[in-house]
Amino acid sequence: MALGYRTRKRLSLLILLVGLPLYIVVAVSVVNALDRPPMWAELLVYVVLGFLWALPFKIVFRGVAQPDPNAATTETKKAEGPKGPSA
């Protein structure tokens, strides 16, 4: 099932505004459960967890910052009118 541009954009905002803060809380809880490891190990855990959160959402985030690909075709159709391009 392919997600539309608007759906991916809304889903990415939801992930960034709700999911990411929750994931940060989970990551901090994981580090605290390790009884505060040495600073280098703690940094390594945060870096690894920082990359891991985005992997499942790679498809959702791909192309969201680009202009809507359907908007260009819609504008072209409006300019052409119902009978085709006017010359």
C-alpha atoms as a PDB file:
ATOM      1  CA  MET A   1       0.000   0.000   0.000  1.00  0.00           C
ATOM      2  CA  ALA A   2       1.571   3.265  -1.131  1.00  0.00           C
ATOM      3  CA  LEU A   3       1.038   6.322   1.024  1.00  0.00           C
ATOM      4  CA  GLY A   4       0.053   9.577  -0.632  1.00  0.00           C
ATOM      5  CA  TYR A   5       2.122  12.709  -0.276  1.00  0.00           C
ATOM      6  CA  ARG A   6      -0.292  14.420   2.130  1.00  0.00           C
ATOM      7  CA  THR A   7      -0.630  11.268   4.231  1.00  0.00           C
ATOM      8  CA  ARG A   8       3.141  10.874   4.492  1.00  0.00           C
ATOM      9  CA  LYS A   9       3.522  14.544   5.413  1.00  0.00           C
ATOM     10  CA  ARG A  10       0.924  14.312   8.182  1.00  0.00           C
ATOM     11  CA  LEU A  11       2.290  11.015   9.445  1.00  0.00           C
ATOM     12  CA  SER A  12       5.831  12.396   9.553  1.00  0.00           C
ATOM     13  CA  LEU A  13       4.654  15.376  11.607  1.00  0.00           C
ATOM     14  CA  LEU A  14       2.877  13.040  14.013  1.00  0.00           C
ATOM     15  CA  ILE A  15       5.992  10.899  14.341  1.00  0.00           C
ATOM     16  CA  LEU A  16       8.232  13.917  14.961  1.00  0.00           C
ATOM     17  CA  LEU A  17       5.923  15.727  17.387  1.00  0.00           C
ATOM     18  CA  VAL A  18       4.605  12.761  19.383  1.00  0.00           C
ATOM     19  CA  GLY A  19       6.691   9.680  18.651  1.00  0.00           C
ATOM     20  CA  LEU A  20      10.165  11.194  18.883  1.00  0.00           C
ATOM     21  CA  PRO A  21       9.688  12.721  22.361  1.00  0.00           C
ATOM     22  CA  LEU A  22       8.312   9.381  23.578  1.00  0.00           C
ATOM     23  CA  TYR A  23      11.289   7.590  22.049  1.00  0.00           C
ATOM     24  CA  ILE A  24      13.669  10.001  23.802  1.00  0.00           C
ATOM     25  CA  VAL A  25      12.038   9.158  27.137  1.00  0.00           C
ATOM     26  CA  VAL A  26      12.467   5.451  26.382  1.00  0.00           C
ATOM     27  CA  ALA A  27      16.123   5.952  25.387  1.00  0.00           C
ATOM     28  CA  VAL A  28      16.910   7.836  28.593  1.00  0.00           C
ATOM     29  CA  SER A  29      15.130   5.134  30.596  1.00  0.00           C
ATOM     30  CA  VAL A  30      17.244   2.453  28.893  1.00  0.00           C
ATOM     31  CA  VAL A  31      20.459   4.290  29.788  1.00  0.00           C
ATOM     32  CA  ASN A  32      19.284   4.784  33.371  1.00  0.00           C
ATOM     33  CA  ALA A  33      18.448   1.076  33.596  1.00  0.00           C
ATOM     34  CA  LEU A  34      22.095   0.357  32.777  1.00  0.00           C
ATOM     35  CA  ASP A  35      23.077   2.028  36.077  1.00  0.00           C
ATOM     36  CA  ARG A  36      24.742   4.994  34.419  1.00  0.00           C
ATOM     37  CA  PRO A  37      27.569   3.459  32.351  1.00  0.00           C
ATOM     38  CA  PRO A  38      30.821   5.338  31.627  1.00  0.00           C
ATOM     39  CA  MET A  39      30.417   8.480  29.548  1.00  0.00           C
ATOM     40  CA  TRP A  40      31.817   6.922  26.347  1.00  0.00           C
ATOM     41  CA  ALA A  41      29.430   3.955  26.616  1.00  0.00           C
ATOM     42  CA  GLU A  42      26.498   6.248  27.353  1.00  0.00           C
ATOM     43  CA  LEU A  43      27.354   8.361  24.309  1.00  0.00           C
ATOM     44  CA  LEU A  44      27.602   5.223  22.174  1.00  0.00           C
ATOM     45  CA  VAL A  45      24.157   4.040  23.353  1.00  0.00           C
ATOM     46  CA  TYR A  46      22.607   7.429  22.559  1.00  0.00           C
ATOM     47  CA  VAL A  47      24.213   7.544  19.096  1.00  0.00           C
ATOM     48  CA  VAL A  48      23.027   4.012  18.255  1.00  0.00           C
ATOM     49  CA  LEU A  49      19.511   4.678  19.555  1.00  0.00           C
ATOM     50  CA  GLY A  50      19.505   8.003  17.697  1.00  0.00           C
ATOM     51  CA  PHE A  51      19.966   6.202  14.380  1.00  0.00           C
ATOM     52  CA  LEU A  52      17.697   3.267  15.160  1.00  0.00           C
ATOM     53  CA  TRP A  53      14.526   5.320  15.698  1.00  0.00           C
ATOM     54  CA  ALA A  54      14.507   6.603  12.119  1.00  0.00           C
ATOM     55  CA  LEU A  55      15.069   3.303  10.302  1.00  0.00           C
ATOM     56  CA  PRO A  56      11.450   2.074  10.423  1.00  0.00           C
ATOM     57  CA  PHE A  57      10.195   5.467   9.234  1.00  0.00           C
ATOM     58  CA  LYS A  58      12.586   5.915   6.307  1.00  0.00           C
ATOM     59  CA  ILE A  59       9.812   5.418   3.757  1.00  0.00           C
ATOM     60  CA  VAL A  60       7.516   7.895   5.512  1.00  0.00           C
ATOM     61  CA  PHE A  61      10.142  10.660   5.622  1.00  0.00           C
ATOM     62  CA  ARG A  62      11.428  10.171   2.066  1.00  0.00           C
ATOM     63  CA  GLY A  63      10.470  13.132  -0.146  1.00  0.00           C
ATOM     64  CA  VAL A  64       8.362  14.967   2.454  1.00  0.00           C
ATOM     65  CA  ALA A  65      10.487  18.121   2.208  1.00  0.00           C
ATOM     66  CA  GLN A  66      10.042  18.231  -1.564  1.00  0.00           C
ATOM     67  CA  PRO A  67       7.161  20.048  -3.254  1.00  0.00           C
ATOM     68  CA  ASP A  68       3.993  18.041  -3.761  1.00  0.00           C
ATOM     69  CA  PRO A  69       4.516  16.019  -6.956  1.00  0.00           C
ATOM     70  CA  ASN A  70       0.764  16.032  -7.678  1.00  0.00           C
ATOM     71  CA  ALA A  71       0.522  19.828  -7.425  1.00  0.00           C
ATOM     72  CA  ALA A  72       2.525  20.321 -10.639  1.00  0.00           C
ATOM     73  CA  THR A  73       0.223  18.062 -12.649  1.00  0.00           C
ATOM     74  CA  THR A  74      -2.874  19.730 -11.190  1.00  0.00           C
ATOM     75  CA  GLU A  75      -1.599  23.224 -12.070  1.00  0.00           C
ATOM     76  CA  THR A  76      -0.742  22.071 -15.579  1.00  0.00           C
ATOM     77  CA  LYS A  77      -4.229  20.655 -16.090  1.00  0.00           C
ATOM     78  CA  LYS A  78      -5.826  23.893 -14.871  1.00  0.00           C
ATOM     79  CA  ALA A  79      -3.705  25.958 -17.266  1.00  0.00           C
ATOM     80  CA  GLU A  80      -4.501  23.698 -20.191  1.00  0.00           C
ATOM     81  CA  GLY A  81      -8.223  23.747 -19.606  1.00  0.00           C
ATOM     82  CA  PRO A  82     -10.675  20.996 -20.513  1.00  0.00           C
ATOM     83  CA  LYS A  83      -9.828  20.999 -24.261  1.00  0.00           C
ATOM     84  CA  GLY A  84      -6.054  20.886 -23.969  1.00  0.00           C
ATOM     85  CA  PRO A  85      -3.316  23.521 -24.218  1.00  0.00           C
ATOM     86  CA  SER A  86      -4.240  26.801 -25.813  1.00  0.00           C
ATOM     87  CA  ALA A  87      -1.876  28.015 -28.497  1.00  0.00           C
END
